Amino acid sequence: MYLQKIKEICTKLALVDIPISADEVFLHVVHGLPSEYDSIASSLRARQKSITFQELHDKLTDCEAHLTRRSSKVPIMENIDAKPRSSTNLNSNRGANNSRSNQRNFSPSN
């Protein structure tokens, strides 16, 4: 939505003969990002090569997806604490494949 709005503004300015360079668009986009995007904004500003609007869109979309996944995950320790396992469940199959327990019922054929 944010990038779409920027693109619309650039299109309207171009229609009235006020073109905006790709570098200016880039600066407006990067400076308008919320603080959650600081790491991607820093890496984008550090690039030596100019970035196209489509590349910028793709990078920001990937970053947004990553932030969404990260914020929706339940921390591992919280998940463990929420579902404690009983010791009987952990030991219920202990020895099932143990060779000694299998030998007790083994009767060799002669």
C-alpha atoms as a PDB file:
ATOM      1  CA  MET A   1       0.000   0.000   0.000  1.00  0.00           C
ATOM      2  CA  TYR A   2       2.788   2.406   0.972  1.00  0.00           C
ATOM      3  CA  LEU A   3       4.744   1.838  -2.235  1.00  0.00           C
ATOM      4  CA  GLN A   4       1.579   1.979  -4.310  1.00  0.00           C
ATOM      5  CA  LYS A   5       0.816   5.420  -2.875  1.00  0.00           C
ATOM      6  CA  ILE A   6       4.364   6.615  -3.700  1.00  0.00           C
ATOM      7  CA  LYS A   7       4.006   5.288  -7.250  1.00  0.00           C
ATOM      8  CA  GLU A   8       0.671   7.072  -7.683  1.00  0.00           C
ATOM      9  CA  ILE A   9       2.173  10.375  -6.512  1.00  0.00           C
ATOM     10  CA  CYS A  10       5.092   9.983  -8.937  1.00  0.00           C
ATOM     11  CA  THR A  11       2.693   9.255 -11.791  1.00  0.00           C
ATOM     12  CA  LYS A  12       0.575  12.328 -10.995  1.00  0.00           C
ATOM     13  CA  LEU A  13       3.672  14.539 -10.807  1.00  0.00           C
ATOM     14  CA  ALA A  14       4.925  13.189 -14.136  1.00  0.00           C
ATOM     15  CA  LEU A  15       1.564  14.005 -15.745  1.00  0.00           C
ATOM     16  CA  VAL A  16       2.056  17.664 -14.856  1.00  0.00           C
ATOM     17  CA  ASP A  17       5.671  17.645 -16.087  1.00  0.00           C
ATOM     18  CA  ILE A  18       7.327  17.307 -12.692  1.00  0.00           C
ATOM     19  CA  PRO A  19       9.261  14.083 -13.055  1.00  0.00           C
ATOM     20  CA  ILE A  20      10.872  12.541  -9.991  1.00  0.00           C
ATOM     21  CA  SER A  21      14.122  10.662 -10.444  1.00  0.00           C
ATOM     22  CA  ALA A  22      14.444   7.055  -9.313  1.00  0.00           C
ATOM     23  CA  ASP A  23      16.978   8.148  -6.691  1.00  0.00           C
ATOM     24  CA  GLU A  24      14.548  10.713  -5.255  1.00  0.00           C
ATOM     25  CA  VAL A  25      11.785   8.110  -5.121  1.00  0.00           C
ATOM     26  CA  PHE A  26      14.163   5.730  -3.380  1.00  0.00           C
ATOM     27  CA  LEU A  27      15.069   8.322  -0.750  1.00  0.00           C
ATOM     28  CA  HIS A  28      11.422   9.192  -0.075  1.00  0.00           C
ATOM     29  CA  VAL A  29      10.511   5.514   0.267  1.00  0.00           C
ATOM     30  CA  VAL A  30      13.405   4.628   2.570  1.00  0.00           C
ATOM     31  CA  HIS A  31      13.016   7.698   4.777  1.00  0.00           C
ATOM     32  CA  GLY A  32       9.295   7.054   5.157  1.00  0.00           C
ATOM     33  CA  LEU A  33       9.656   3.496   6.449  1.00  0.00           C
ATOM     34  CA  PRO A  34       8.795   2.687  10.075  1.00  0.00           C
ATOM     35  CA  SER A  35      11.585   1.744  12.501  1.00  0.00           C
ATOM     36  CA  GLU A  36      10.947  -2.005  12.045  1.00  0.00           C
ATOM     37  CA  TYR A  37      12.531  -1.610   8.613  1.00  0.00           C
ATOM     38  CA  ASP A  38      15.717   0.137   9.833  1.00  0.00           C
ATOM     39  CA  SER A  39      17.989  -2.806   9.031  1.00  0.00           C
ATOM     40  CA  ILE A  40      16.756  -3.177   5.449  1.00  0.00           C
ATOM     41  CA  ALA A  41      16.759   0.603   4.981  1.00  0.00           C
ATOM     42  CA  SER A  42      20.402   0.764   6.090  1.00  0.00           C
ATOM     43  CA  SER A  43      21.463  -2.007   3.759  1.00  0.00           C
ATOM     44  CA  LEU A  44      19.557  -0.464   0.857  1.00  0.00           C
ATOM     45  CA  ARG A  45      21.200   2.934   1.431  1.00  0.00           C
ATOM     46  CA  ALA A  46      24.634   1.273   1.545  1.00  0.00           C
ATOM     47  CA  ARG A  47      24.241  -0.193  -1.951  1.00  0.00           C
ATOM     48  CA  GLN A  48      26.637   1.095  -4.572  1.00  0.00           C
ATOM     49  CA  LYS A  49      24.275   0.383  -7.456  1.00  0.00           C
ATOM     50  CA  SER A  50      20.880   2.073  -7.901  1.00  0.00           C
ATOM     51  CA  ILE A  51      17.859  -0.094  -7.300  1.00  0.00           C
ATOM     52  CA  THR A  52      14.787  -0.245  -9.513  1.00  0.00           C
ATOM     53  CA  PHE A  53      11.351   0.403  -8.079  1.00  0.00           C
ATOM     54  CA  GLN A  54      10.444  -3.260  -8.650  1.00  0.00           C
ATOM     55  CA  GLU A  55      13.566  -4.463  -6.813  1.00  0.00           C
ATOM     56  CA  LEU A  56      12.785  -2.092  -3.953  1.00  0.00           C
ATOM     57  CA  HIS A  57       9.227  -3.386  -3.856  1.00  0.00           C
ATOM     58  CA  ASP A  58      10.443  -7.008  -3.804  1.00  0.00           C
ATOM     59  CA  LYS A  59      12.975  -6.387  -1.011  1.00  0.00           C
ATOM     60  CA  LEU A  60      10.462  -4.551   1.157  1.00  0.00           C
ATOM     61  CA  THR A  61       7.822  -7.216   0.557  1.00  0.00           C
ATOM     62  CA  ASP A  62      10.297  -9.921   1.632  1.00  0.00           C
ATOM     63  CA  CYS A  63      11.204  -7.914   4.714  1.00  0.00           C
ATOM     64  CA  GLU A  64       7.547  -7.406   5.590  1.00  0.00           C
ATOM     65  CA  ALA A  65       6.896 -11.151   5.269  1.00  0.00           C
ATOM     66  CA  HIS A  66       9.872 -11.885   7.519  1.00  0.00           C
ATOM     67  CA  LEU A  67       8.680  -9.409  10.150  1.00  0.00           C
ATOM     68  CA  THR A  68       5.196 -10.908  10.048  1.00  0.00           C
ATOM     69  CA  ARG A  69       6.500 -14.471  10.473  1.00  0.00           C
ATOM     70  CA  ARG A  70       8.828 -13.426  13.273  1.00  0.00           C
ATOM     71  CA  SER A  71       6.102 -11.635  15.217  1.00  0.00           C
ATOM     72  CA  SER A  72       3.643 -14.529  14.887  1.00  0.00           C
ATOM     73  CA  LYS A  73       5.971 -17.256  16.206  1.00  0.00           C
ATOM     74  CA  VAL A  74       5.642 -18.502  19.745  1.00  0.00           C
ATOM     75  CA  PRO A  75       9.008 -18.597  21.504  1.00  0.00           C
ATOM     76  CA  ILE A  76      10.346 -22.143  21.924  1.00  0.00           C
ATOM     77  CA  MET A  77      10.640 -21.978  25.703  1.00  0.00           C
ATOM     78  CA  GLU A  78       7.117 -20.608  26.034  1.00  0.00           C
ATOM     79  CA  ASN A  79       5.835 -23.502  23.941  1.00  0.00           C
ATOM     80  CA  ILE A  80       7.624 -26.034  26.155  1.00  0.00           C
ATOM     81  CA  ASP A  81       6.287 -24.443  29.333  1.00  0.00           C
ATOM     82  CA  ALA A  82       2.761 -24.421  27.977  1.00  0.00           C
ATOM     83  CA  LYS A  83       2.668 -28.187  27.323  1.00  0.00           C
ATOM     84  CA  PRO A  84       4.662 -30.050  29.968  1.00  0.00           C
ATOM     85  CA  ARG A  85       5.115 -33.732  29.257  1.00  0.00           C
ATOM     86  CA  SER A  86       4.690 -36.338  31.954  1.00  0.00           C
ATOM     87  CA  SER A  87       7.556 -38.683  32.738  1.00  0.00           C
ATOM     88  CA  THR A  88       5.351 -41.723  31.988  1.00  0.00           C
ATOM     89  CA  ASN A  89       4.948 -40.614  28.379  1.00  0.00           C
ATOM     90  CA  LEU A  90       8.684 -40.263  27.987  1.00  0.00           C
ATOM     91  CA  ASN A  91       9.398 -43.738  29.363  1.00  0.00           C
ATOM     92  CA  SER A  92       6.459 -45.694  27.943  1.00  0.00           C
ATOM     93  CA  ASN A  93       8.422 -47.171  25.038  1.00  0.00           C
ATOM     94  CA  ARG A  94      11.735 -47.450  26.792  1.00  0.00           C
ATOM     95  CA  GLY A  95      13.207 -50.872  26.212  1.00  0.00           C
ATOM     96  CA  ALA A  96      10.748 -51.862  23.502  1.00  0.00           C
ATOM     97  CA  ASN A  97      13.569 -52.346  21.041  1.00  0.00           C
ATOM     98  CA  ASN A  98      16.068 -53.382  23.657  1.00  0.00           C
ATOM     99  CA  SER A  99      17.769 -56.633  22.660  1.00  0.00           C
ATOM    100  CA  ARG A 100      17.660 -58.051  26.223  1.00  0.00           C
ATOM    101  CA  SER A 101      13.897 -57.602  26.508  1.00  0.00           C
ATOM    102  CA  ASN A 102      13.438 -59.290  23.150  1.00  0.00           C
ATOM    103  CA  GLN A 103      15.585 -62.257  24.226  1.00  0.00           C
ATOM    104  CA  ARG A 104      13.296 -63.102  27.147  1.00  0.00           C
ATOM    105  CA  ASN A 105      10.588 -64.273  24.776  1.00  0.00           C
ATOM    106  CA  PHE A 106      12.918 -65.736  22.212  1.00  0.00           C
ATOM    107  CA  SER A 107      12.922 -69.469  21.921  1.00  0.00           C
ATOM    108  CA  PRO A 108      15.475 -70.761  19.463  1.00  0.00           C
ATOM    109  CA  SER A 109      14.447 -73.577  17.223  1.00  0.00           C
ATOM    110  CA  ASN A 110      16.825 -76.511  17.126  1.00  0.00           C
END
